PDB file of N, CA and C in Angstrom:
ATOM      1  N   VAL A   1      -4.622  19.010  13.117  1.00  0.00           N
ATOM      2  CA  VAL A   1      -3.628  18.137  12.517  1.00  0.00           C
ATOM      3  C   VAL A   1      -2.635  18.038  13.999  1.00  0.00           C
ATOM      4  N   ALA A   2      -2.711  16.261  14.044  1.00  0.00           N
ATOM      5  CA  ALA A   2      -1.584  16.319  14.562  1.00  0.00           C
ATOM      6  C   ALA A   2      -0.644  16.121  14.566  1.00  0.00           C
ATOM      7  N   ASP A   3       0.312  16.145  15.906  1.00  0.00           N
ATOM      8  CA  ASP A   3       1.565  17.163  15.499  1.00  0.00           C
ATOM      9  C   ASP A   3       2.652  16.070  14.749  1.00  0.00           C
ATOM     10  N   HIS A   4       1.824  14.085  15.592  1.00  0.00           N
ATOM     11  CA  HIS A   4       3.383  13.758  14.203  1.00  0.00           C
ATOM     12  C   HIS A   4       3.456  13.838  12.750  1.00  0.00           C
ATOM     13  N   GLU A   5       2.029  14.465  12.343  1.00  0.00           N
ATOM     14  CA  GLU A   5       1.897  14.431  10.851  1.00  0.00           C
ATOM     15  C   GLU A   5       2.262  15.264  10.379  1.00  0.00           C
ATOM     16  N   VAL A   6       2.780  16.707  11.212  1.00  0.00           N
ATOM     17  CA  VAL A   6       3.288  17.522  11.259  1.00  0.00           C
ATOM     18  C   VAL A   6       5.237  17.814  11.042  1.00  0.00           C
ATOM     19  N   ILE A   7       5.139  17.036  12.005  1.00  0.00           N
ATOM     20  CA  ILE A   7       6.991  17.338  12.683  1.00  0.00           C
ATOM     21  C   ILE A   7       7.724  15.164  11.641  1.00  0.00           C
ATOM     22  N   GLY A   8       6.430  14.178  11.454  1.00  0.00           N
ATOM     23  CA  GLY A   8       6.936  13.103  11.201  1.00  0.00           C
ATOM     24  C   GLY A   8       6.878  11.875  12.230  1.00  0.00           C
ATOM     25  N   TYR A   9       6.770  11.317  11.767  1.00  0.00           N
ATOM     26  CA  TYR A   9       6.929   9.824  12.901  1.00  0.00           C
ATOM     27  C   TYR A   9       8.411   9.129  13.228  1.00  0.00           C
ATOM     28  N   PRO A  10       9.218   9.384  13.853  1.00  0.00           N
ATOM     29  CA  PRO A  10       9.895   8.900  14.594  1.00  0.00           C
ATOM     30  C   PRO A  10      11.395   7.683  13.971  1.00  0.00           C
ATOM     31  N   GLN A  11       9.281   6.600  13.861  1.00  0.00           N
ATOM     32  CA  GLN A  11      10.631   5.952  13.441  1.00  0.00           C
ATOM     33  C   GLN A  11      11.466   5.636  13.377  1.00  0.00           C
ATOM     34  N   ARG A  12      12.383   4.663  13.140  1.00  0.00           N
ATOM     35  CA  ARG A  12      13.317   4.447  11.336  1.00  0.00           C
ATOM     36  C   ARG A  12      12.601   3.945  11.191  1.00  0.00           C
ATOM     37  N   SER A  13      12.508   4.055   9.670  1.00  0.00           N
ATOM     38  CA  SER A  13      12.406   3.413   8.361  1.00  0.00           C
ATOM     39  C   SER A  13      13.098   2.326   7.349  1.00  0.00           C
ATOM     40  N   PHE A  14      13.049   2.212   7.286  1.00  0.00           N
ATOM     41  CA  PHE A  14      13.916   1.306   5.861  1.00  0.00           C
ATOM     42  C   PHE A  14      14.007   1.243   5.107  1.00  0.00           C
ATOM     43  N   PHE A  15      13.750   3.005   4.487  1.00  0.00           N
ATOM     44  CA  PHE A  15      14.059   4.013   3.331  1.00  0.00           C
ATOM     45  C   PHE A  15      15.637   4.439   4.064  1.00  0.00           C
ATOM     46  N   MET A  16      16.035   3.752   5.617  1.00  0.00           N
ATOM     47  CA  MET A  16      17.320   5.049   5.907  1.00  0.00           C
ATOM     48  C   MET A  16      18.861   3.983   6.127  1.00  0.00           C
ATOM     49  N   ASP A  17      17.382   2.377   6.141  1.00  0.00           N
ATOM     50  CA  ASP A  17      18.170   1.148   5.749  1.00  0.00           C
ATOM     51  C   ASP A  17      18.723   1.466   4.866  1.00  0.00           C
ATOM     52  N   LEU A  18      18.270   1.127   3.523  1.00  0.00           N
ATOM     53  CA  LEU A  18      18.656   0.900   2.132  1.00  0.00           C
ATOM     54  C   LEU A  18      19.779   2.082   1.507  1.00  0.00           C
ATOM     55  N   PHE A  19      19.363   3.467   2.413  1.00  0.00           N
ATOM     56  CA  PHE A  19      20.663   4.813   2.529  1.00  0.00           C
ATOM     57  C   PHE A  19      21.535   4.082   3.614  1.00  0.00           C
ATOM     58  N   GLU A  20      21.428   3.397   4.029  1.00  0.00           N
ATOM     59  CA  GLU A  20      23.545   3.615   5.270  1.00  0.00           C
ATOM     60  C   GLU A  20      23.573   2.072   4.567  1.00  0.00           C
ATOM     61  N   SER A  21      23.166   1.490   4.091  1.00  0.00           N
ATOM     62  CA  SER A  21      23.724   0.434   3.217  1.00  0.00           C
ATOM     63  C   SER A  21      24.169   0.702   1.865  1.00  0.00           C
ATOM     64  N   HIS A  22      23.901   2.152   1.356  1.00  0.00           N
ATOM     65  CA  HIS A  22      24.547   2.486  -0.023  1.00  0.00           C
ATOM     66  C   HIS A  22      23.894   1.698  -1.663  1.00  0.00           C
ATOM     67  N   LYS A  23      22.738   1.528  -0.791  1.00  0.00           N
ATOM     68  CA  LYS A  23      21.644   1.228  -1.615  1.00  0.00           C
ATOM     69  C   LYS A  23      20.586   2.593  -2.440  1.00  0.00           C
ATOM     70  N   SER A  24      20.632   2.678  -3.884  1.00  0.00           N
ATOM     71  CA  SER A  24      19.876   3.663  -4.344  1.00  0.00           C
ATOM     72  C   SER A  24      18.932   3.773  -4.222  1.00  0.00           C
ATOM     73  N   TRP A  25      17.646   4.226  -3.259  1.00  0.00           N
ATOM     74  CA  TRP A  25      16.323   4.249  -4.209  1.00  0.00           C
ATOM     75  C   TRP A  25      15.181   5.312  -4.182  1.00  0.00           C
ATOM     76  N   GLY A  26      13.877   5.061  -4.507  1.00  0.00           N
ATOM     77  CA  GLY A  26      13.417   6.929  -4.563  1.00  0.00           C
ATOM     78  C   GLY A  26      12.307   6.031  -4.798  1.00  0.00           C
ATOM     79  N   VAL A  27      11.204   7.328  -4.453  1.00  0.00           N
ATOM     80  CA  VAL A  27       9.514   7.263  -4.339  1.00  0.00           C
ATOM     81  C   VAL A  27       8.783   8.054  -5.635  1.00  0.00           C
ATOM     82  N   TYR A  28       8.120   7.018  -6.117  1.00  0.00           N
ATOM     83  CA  TYR A  28       7.123   7.553  -7.064  1.00  0.00           C
ATOM     84  C   TYR A  28       5.761   7.562  -6.657  1.00  0.00           C
ATOM     85  N   PHE A  29       5.871   8.975  -6.869  1.00  0.00           N
ATOM     86  CA  PHE A  29       3.945   9.339  -6.559  1.00  0.00           C
ATOM     87  C   PHE A  29       2.659  10.111  -7.221  1.00  0.00           C
ATOM     88  N   GLU A  30       1.580   9.539  -7.015  1.00  0.00           N
ATOM     89  CA  GLU A  30       0.799  10.584  -8.104  1.00  0.00           C
ATOM     90  C   GLU A  30      -0.118  11.288  -7.982  1.00  0.00           C
ATOM     91  N   ASP A  31      -0.212  12.214  -6.369  1.00  0.00           N
ATOM     92  CA  ASP A  31      -0.977  12.884  -5.917  1.00  0.00           C
ATOM     93  C   ASP A  31      -0.219  13.456  -4.754  1.00  0.00           C
ATOM     94  N   PHE A  32       0.705  12.197  -3.961  1.00  0.00           N
ATOM     95  CA  PHE A  32       0.627  12.299  -2.108  1.00  0.00           C
ATOM     96  C   PHE A  32       1.544  11.284  -1.580  1.00  0.00           C
ATOM     97  N   PRO A  33       2.917  11.900  -1.326  1.00  0.00           N
ATOM     98  CA  PRO A  33       3.844  10.981  -1.295  1.00  0.00           C
ATOM     99  C   PRO A  33       3.972  10.725   0.505  1.00  0.00           C
ATOM    100  N   THR A  34       2.857   9.945   0.438  1.00  0.00           N
ATOM    101  CA  THR A  34       2.831   9.089   2.415  1.00  0.00           C
ATOM    102  C   THR A  34       3.809   9.138   2.987  1.00  0.00           C
ATOM    103  N   SER A  35       4.932   8.733   2.189  1.00  0.00           N
ATOM    104  CA  SER A  35       5.833   8.392   2.598  1.00  0.00           C
ATOM    105  C   SER A  35       7.238   9.806   3.208  1.00  0.00           C
ATOM    106  N   LEU A  36       5.968  10.413   3.240  1.00  0.00           N
ATOM    107  CA  LEU A  36       7.069  11.411   3.755  1.00  0.00           C
ATOM    108  C   LEU A  36       6.329  11.773   5.230  1.00  0.00           C
ATOM    109  N   VAL A  37       5.206  11.143   6.254  1.00  0.00           N
ATOM    110  CA  VAL A  37       4.986  11.809   7.197  1.00  0.00           C
ATOM    111  C   VAL A  37       6.005  10.640   7.739  1.00  0.00           C
ATOM    112  N   LEU A  38       7.100   9.479   7.275  1.00  0.00           N
ATOM    113  CA  LEU A  38       8.049   8.953   8.090  1.00  0.00           C
ATOM    114  C   LEU A  38       9.820  10.498   8.931  1.00  0.00           C
ATOM    115  N   ASP A  39       9.389  10.529   9.368  1.00  0.00           N
ATOM    116  CA  ASP A  39      10.471  11.452   9.609  1.00  0.00           C
ATOM    117  C   ASP A  39      11.953  11.330   9.126  1.00  0.00           C
ATOM    118  N   ASP A  40      12.508  10.445   9.078  1.00  0.00           N
ATOM    119  CA  ASP A  40      13.545  10.562   8.257  1.00  0.00           C
ATOM    120  C   ASP A  40      14.207  10.346   7.143  1.00  0.00           C
ATOM    121  N   THR A  41      12.554  10.091   5.895  1.00  0.00           N
ATOM    122  CA  THR A  41      12.738  10.302   4.858  1.00  0.00           C
ATOM    123  C   THR A  41      12.550  12.037   4.749  1.00  0.00           C
ATOM    124  N   ARG A  42      12.029  13.500   4.971  1.00  0.00           N
ATOM    125  CA  ARG A  42      11.883  14.643   4.701  1.00  0.00           C
ATOM    126  C   ARG A  42      13.691  15.460   4.894  1.00  0.00           C
ATOM    127  N   ILE A  43      14.787  14.713   4.839  1.00  0.00           N
ATOM    128  CA  ILE A  43      15.592  14.085   4.407  1.00  0.00           C
ATOM    129  C   ILE A  43      16.258  14.159   3.496  1.00  0.00           C
ATOM    130  N   PHE A  44      15.235  13.096   2.569  1.00  0.00           N
ATOM    131  CA  PHE A  44      15.934  12.811   0.920  1.00  0.00           C
ATOM    132  C   PHE A  44      14.448  13.476   0.036  1.00  0.00           C
ATOM    133  N   LEU A  45      14.736  14.899   0.196  1.00  0.00           N
ATOM    134  CA  LEU A  45      13.642  14.972  -0.615  1.00  0.00           C
ATOM    135  C   LEU A  45      13.538  14.910  -2.021  1.00  0.00           C
ATOM    136  N   GLU A  46      15.049  15.001  -3.019  1.00  0.00           N
ATOM    137  CA  GLU A  46      15.487  15.329  -3.872  1.00  0.00           C
ATOM    138  C   GLU A  46      15.534  13.648  -4.159  1.00  0.00           C
ATOM    139  N   ARG A  47      14.813  12.499  -3.191  1.00  0.00           N
ATOM    140  CA  ARG A  47      14.682  11.133  -3.857  1.00  0.00           C
ATOM    141  C   ARG A  47      12.698  10.767  -4.459  1.00  0.00           C
ATOM    142  N   PHE A  48      12.062  11.886  -4.489  1.00  0.00           N
ATOM    143  CA  PHE A  48      10.957  11.681  -4.407  1.00  0.00           C
ATOM    144  C   PHE A  48      10.244  12.491  -5.754  1.00  0.00           C
ATOM    145  N   HIS A  49       9.297  11.506  -6.596  1.00  0.00           N
ATOM    146  CA  HIS A  49       9.251  12.001  -7.375  1.00  0.00           C
ATOM    147  C   HIS A  49       7.709  11.762  -8.398  1.00  0.00           C
ATOM    148  N   MET A  50       8.283  12.536  -9.661  1.00  0.00           N
ATOM    149  CA  MET A  50       5.997  11.849  -9.867  1.00  0.00           C
ATOM    150  C   MET A  50       6.013  10.681 -10.196  1.00  0.00           C
ATOM    151  N   MET A  51       4.948  10.511 -10.017  1.00  0.00           N
ATOM    152  CA  MET A  51       4.866   8.930 -11.539  1.00  0.00           C
ATOM    153  C   MET A  51       4.711   8.945 -12.730  1.00  0.00           C
ATOM    154  N   LYS A  52       5.207  10.287 -13.406  1.00  0.00           N
ATOM    155  CA  LYS A  52       5.545   9.989 -14.347  1.00  0.00           C
ATOM    156  C   LYS A  52       7.406   9.840 -14.966  1.00  0.00           C
ATOM    157  N   ASP A  53       7.352  10.649 -13.770  1.00  0.00           N
ATOM    158  CA  ASP A  53       9.000  10.306 -13.853  1.00  0.00           C
ATOM    159  C   ASP A  53       9.734   9.036 -13.986  1.00  0.00           C
ATOM    160  N   PHE A  54       8.836   7.883 -13.268  1.00  0.00           N
ATOM    161  CA  PHE A  54       8.467   6.410 -13.173  1.00  0.00           C
ATOM    162  C   PHE A  54       9.153   6.427 -14.364  1.00  0.00           C
ATOM    163  N   LEU A  55       8.177   6.357 -15.403  1.00  0.00           N
ATOM    164  CA  LEU A  55       7.950   5.906 -16.415  1.00  0.00           C
ATOM    165  C   LEU A  55       9.517   6.495 -17.620  1.00  0.00           C
ATOM    166  N   ASP A  56       9.644   7.473 -17.475  1.00  0.00           N
ATOM    167  CA  ASP A  56      10.938   8.195 -17.597  1.00  0.00           C
ATOM    168  C   ASP A  56      12.569   7.676 -17.293  1.00  0.00           C
ATOM    169  N   HIS A  57      11.893   7.215 -16.122  1.00  0.00           N
ATOM    170  CA  HIS A  57      12.747   7.187 -15.304  1.00  0.00           C
ATOM    171  C   HIS A  57      13.589   5.208 -16.495  1.00  0.00           C
ATOM    172  N   ALA A  58      12.255   4.763 -16.226  1.00  0.00           N
ATOM    173  CA  ALA A  58      12.404   3.406 -16.260  1.00  0.00           C
ATOM    174  C   ALA A  58      13.038   3.401 -17.859  1.00  0.00           C
ATOM    175  N   LYS A  59      12.663   4.146 -19.473  1.00  0.00           N
ATOM    176  CA  LYS A  59      12.672   3.939 -19.871  1.00  0.00           C
ATOM    177  C   LYS A  59      14.198   4.068 -20.505  1.00  0.00           C
ATOM    178  N   LYS A  60      15.030   4.733 -19.622  1.00  0.00           N
ATOM    179  CA  LYS A  60      16.118   5.883 -19.770  1.00  0.00           C
ATOM    180  C   LYS A  60      17.553   4.842 -19.237  1.00  0.00           C
ATOM    181  N   GLY A  61      16.984   3.848 -18.018  1.00  0.00           N
ATOM    182  CA  GLY A  61      17.009   2.936 -17.226  1.00  0.00           C
ATOM    183  C   GLY A  61      18.542   3.783 -16.198  1.00  0.00           C
ATOM    184  N   THR A  62      17.841   5.011 -15.693  1.00  0.00           N
ATOM    185  CA  THR A  62      18.001   5.338 -14.291  1.00  0.00           C
ATOM    186  C   THR A  62      17.174   5.175 -12.658  1.00  0.00           C
ATOM    187  N   LEU A  63      16.550   4.284 -12.914  1.00  0.00           N
ATOM    188  CA  LEU A  63      15.932   3.683 -11.867  1.00  0.00           C
ATOM    189  C   LEU A  63      16.583   3.381 -10.805  1.00  0.00           C
ATOM    190  N   PRO A  64      16.386   3.897  -9.711  1.00  0.00           N
ATOM    191  CA  PRO A  64      17.096   3.611  -8.003  1.00  0.00           C
ATOM    192  C   PRO A  64      17.098   1.718  -8.297  1.00  0.00           C
ATOM    193  N   GLU A  65      17.707   1.583  -7.102  1.00  0.00           N
ATOM    194  CA  GLU A  65      18.095  -0.189  -7.167  1.00  0.00           C
ATOM    195  C   GLU A  65      16.765  -0.319  -6.496  1.00  0.00           C
ATOM    196  N   PHE A  66      15.797   0.777  -5.777  1.00  0.00           N
ATOM    197  CA  PHE A  66      14.815   0.484  -4.875  1.00  0.00           C
ATOM    198  C   PHE A  66      14.031   1.448  -5.115  1.00  0.00           C
ATOM    199  N   SER A  67      12.536   1.096  -5.863  1.00  0.00           N
ATOM    200  CA  SER A  67      11.451   1.893  -6.465  1.00  0.00           C
ATOM    201  C   SER A  67      10.115   1.650  -5.563  1.00  0.00           C
ATOM    202  N   PHE A  68       9.835   2.526  -4.747  1.00  0.00           N
ATOM    203  CA  PHE A  68       8.221   2.977  -3.747  1.00  0.00           C
ATOM    204  C   PHE A  68       7.877   3.418  -4.984  1.00  0.00           C
ATOM    205  N   LEU A  69       6.646   3.007  -5.519  1.00  0.00           N
ATOM    206  CA  LEU A  69       5.448   3.389  -6.022  1.00  0.00           C
ATOM    207  C   LEU A  69       4.588   4.018  -4.741  1.00  0.00           C
ATOM    208  N   GLU A  70       3.412   5.443  -5.483  1.00  0.00           N
ATOM    209  CA  GLU A  70       2.843   4.597  -4.386  1.00  0.00           C
ATOM    210  C   GLU A  70       1.522   5.660  -5.435  1.00  0.00           C
ATOM    211  N   PRO A  71       0.590   4.600  -4.396  1.00  0.00           N
ATOM    212  CA  PRO A  71      -0.880   5.045  -5.419  1.00  0.00           C
ATOM    213  C   PRO A  71      -1.630   6.157  -6.227  1.00  0.00           C
ATOM    214  N   ARG A  72      -2.261   7.192  -6.606  1.00  0.00           N
ATOM    215  CA  ARG A  72      -3.272   8.112  -6.420  1.00  0.00           C
ATOM    216  C   ARG A  72      -3.896   7.792  -5.464  1.00  0.00           C
ATOM    217  N   TRP A  73      -3.594   8.537  -4.298  1.00  0.00           N
ATOM    218  CA  TRP A  73      -5.469   8.205  -3.583  1.00  0.00           C
ATOM    219  C   TRP A  73      -6.477   8.779  -3.197  1.00  0.00           C
ATOM    220  N   PHE A  74      -6.783  10.193  -4.174  1.00  0.00           N
ATOM    221  CA  PHE A  74      -7.843  10.985  -3.771  1.00  0.00           C
ATOM    222  C   PHE A  74      -8.626  10.403  -5.412  1.00  0.00           C
ATOM    223  N   ASP A  75      -9.670  10.891  -5.659  1.00  0.00           N
ATOM    224  CA  ASP A  75     -10.659  10.655  -6.487  1.00  0.00           C
ATOM    225  C   ASP A  75     -10.384  11.987  -7.167  1.00  0.00           C
ATOM    226  N   GLU A  76      -9.708  12.787  -7.970  1.00  0.00           N
ATOM    227  CA  GLU A  76      -9.540  14.245  -8.152  1.00  0.00           C
ATOM    228  C   GLU A  76     -10.119  14.610  -9.707  1.00  0.00           C
ATOM    229  N   GLY A  77     -11.318  15.204 -10.138  1.00  0.00           N
ATOM    230  CA  GLY A  77     -11.791  15.746 -11.371  1.00  0.00           C
ATOM    231  C   GLY A  77     -11.895  14.359 -11.847  1.00  0.00           C
ATOM    232  N   PRO A  78     -11.385  14.430 -13.578  1.00  0.00           N
ATOM    233  CA  PRO A  78     -11.318  12.735 -14.477  1.00  0.00           C
ATOM    234  C   PRO A  78     -10.178  12.060 -13.801  1.00  0.00           C
ATOM    235  N   TRP A  79      -9.782  12.461 -12.527  1.00  0.00           N
ATOM    236  CA  TRP A  79      -8.449  11.030 -11.906  1.00  0.00           C
ATOM    237  C   TRP A  79      -9.033   9.860 -10.850  1.00  0.00           C
ATOM    238  N   GLU A  80      -9.113   8.720 -10.957  1.00  0.00           N
ATOM    239  CA  GLU A  80     -10.283   7.981 -10.203  1.00  0.00           C
ATOM    240  C   GLU A  80      -8.580   7.575  -9.362  1.00  0.00           C
ATOM    241  N   ALA A  81      -8.536   7.646  -8.052  1.00  0.00           N
ATOM    242  CA  ALA A  81      -7.492   6.688  -7.015  1.00  0.00           C
ATOM    243  C   ALA A  81      -7.358   5.329  -8.040  1.00  0.00           C
ATOM    244  N   SER A  82      -5.958   4.902  -7.210  1.00  0.00           N
ATOM    245  CA  SER A  82      -5.525   3.952  -8.243  1.00  0.00           C
ATOM    246  C   SER A  82      -5.069   3.539  -7.062  1.00  0.00           C
ATOM    247  N   THR A  83      -5.375   3.188  -5.560  1.00  0.00           N
ATOM    248  CA  THR A  83      -5.640   2.476  -4.379  1.00  0.00           C
ATOM    249  C   THR A  83      -6.310   1.838  -3.848  1.00  0.00           C
ATOM    250  N   GLN A  84      -5.895   0.178  -3.130  1.00  0.00           N
ATOM    251  CA  GLN A  84      -6.125  -0.148  -3.669  1.00  0.00           C
ATOM    252  C   GLN A  84      -7.549  -0.840  -1.733  1.00  0.00           C
ATOM    253  N   HIS A  85      -7.413   0.322  -1.001  1.00  0.00           N
ATOM    254  CA  HIS A  85      -8.100   0.297   0.243  1.00  0.00           C
ATOM    255  C   HIS A  85      -9.369   0.648   0.581  1.00  0.00           C
ATOM    256  N   PRO A  86      -9.835   0.517   0.421  1.00  0.00           N
ATOM    257  CA  PRO A  86     -11.277   0.617   0.514  1.00  0.00           C
ATOM    258  C   PRO A  86     -11.709   2.294   0.289  1.00  0.00           C
ATOM    259  N   ASP A  87     -12.620   2.587   0.147  1.00  0.00           N
ATOM    260  CA  ASP A  87     -13.578   2.310  -1.062  1.00  0.00           C
ATOM    261  C   ASP A  87     -13.147   2.368  -2.613  1.00  0.00           C
ATOM    262  N   HIS A  88     -11.933   1.479  -2.333  1.00  0.00           N
ATOM    263  CA  HIS A  88     -11.846   1.664  -3.964  1.00  0.00           C
ATOM    264  C   HIS A  88     -11.596   0.421  -4.254  1.00  0.00           C
ATOM    265  N   ALA A  89     -11.166   0.166  -5.491  1.00  0.00           N
ATOM    266  CA  ALA A  89     -11.594  -0.805  -6.578  1.00  0.00           C
ATOM    267  C   ALA A  89     -10.405  -1.823  -6.288  1.00  0.00           C
ATOM    268  N   ILE A  90     -10.599  -2.717  -5.923  1.00  0.00           N
ATOM    269  CA  ILE A  90      -8.939  -2.779  -6.203  1.00  0.00           C
ATOM    270  C   ILE A  90      -8.242  -3.625  -7.723  1.00  0.00           C
ATOM    271  N   SER A  91      -8.423  -3.506  -8.659  1.00  0.00           N
ATOM    272  CA  SER A  91      -8.381  -3.485  -9.892  1.00  0.00           C
ATOM    273  C   SER A  91      -8.291  -2.467 -10.801  1.00  0.00           C
ATOM    274  N   ALA A  92      -8.715  -0.968  -9.755  1.00  0.00           N
ATOM    275  CA  ALA A  92      -7.396  -0.145  -9.979  1.00  0.00           C
ATOM    276  C   ALA A  92      -6.352   0.187  -9.198  1.00  0.00           C
ATOM    277  N   GLY A  93      -6.192  -0.863  -8.838  1.00  0.00           N
ATOM    278  CA  GLY A  93      -4.353  -0.443  -8.140  1.00  0.00           C
ATOM    279  C   GLY A  93      -3.408  -1.075  -8.991  1.00  0.00           C
TER     280      GLY A  93
END
């Protein structure tokens, strides 16, 4: 495992820009939130939610101003990846 995967990439992210602009934001993910490889996102763990929460928050009208949706990255059991990256089909995305 590379050091940056453990301690995080040090580059400033747009998530920090949103925070400093007083905009609400959240990350919704299926299996692994890759946004956590960014060092400055790790101080906002309460803003990371499972994808099932996205639908619940949408129904309740409680979505943040910016929602970042992360696909399912891996085929796991009966669940197919929903990423559009090779070697997965774009139709699943």
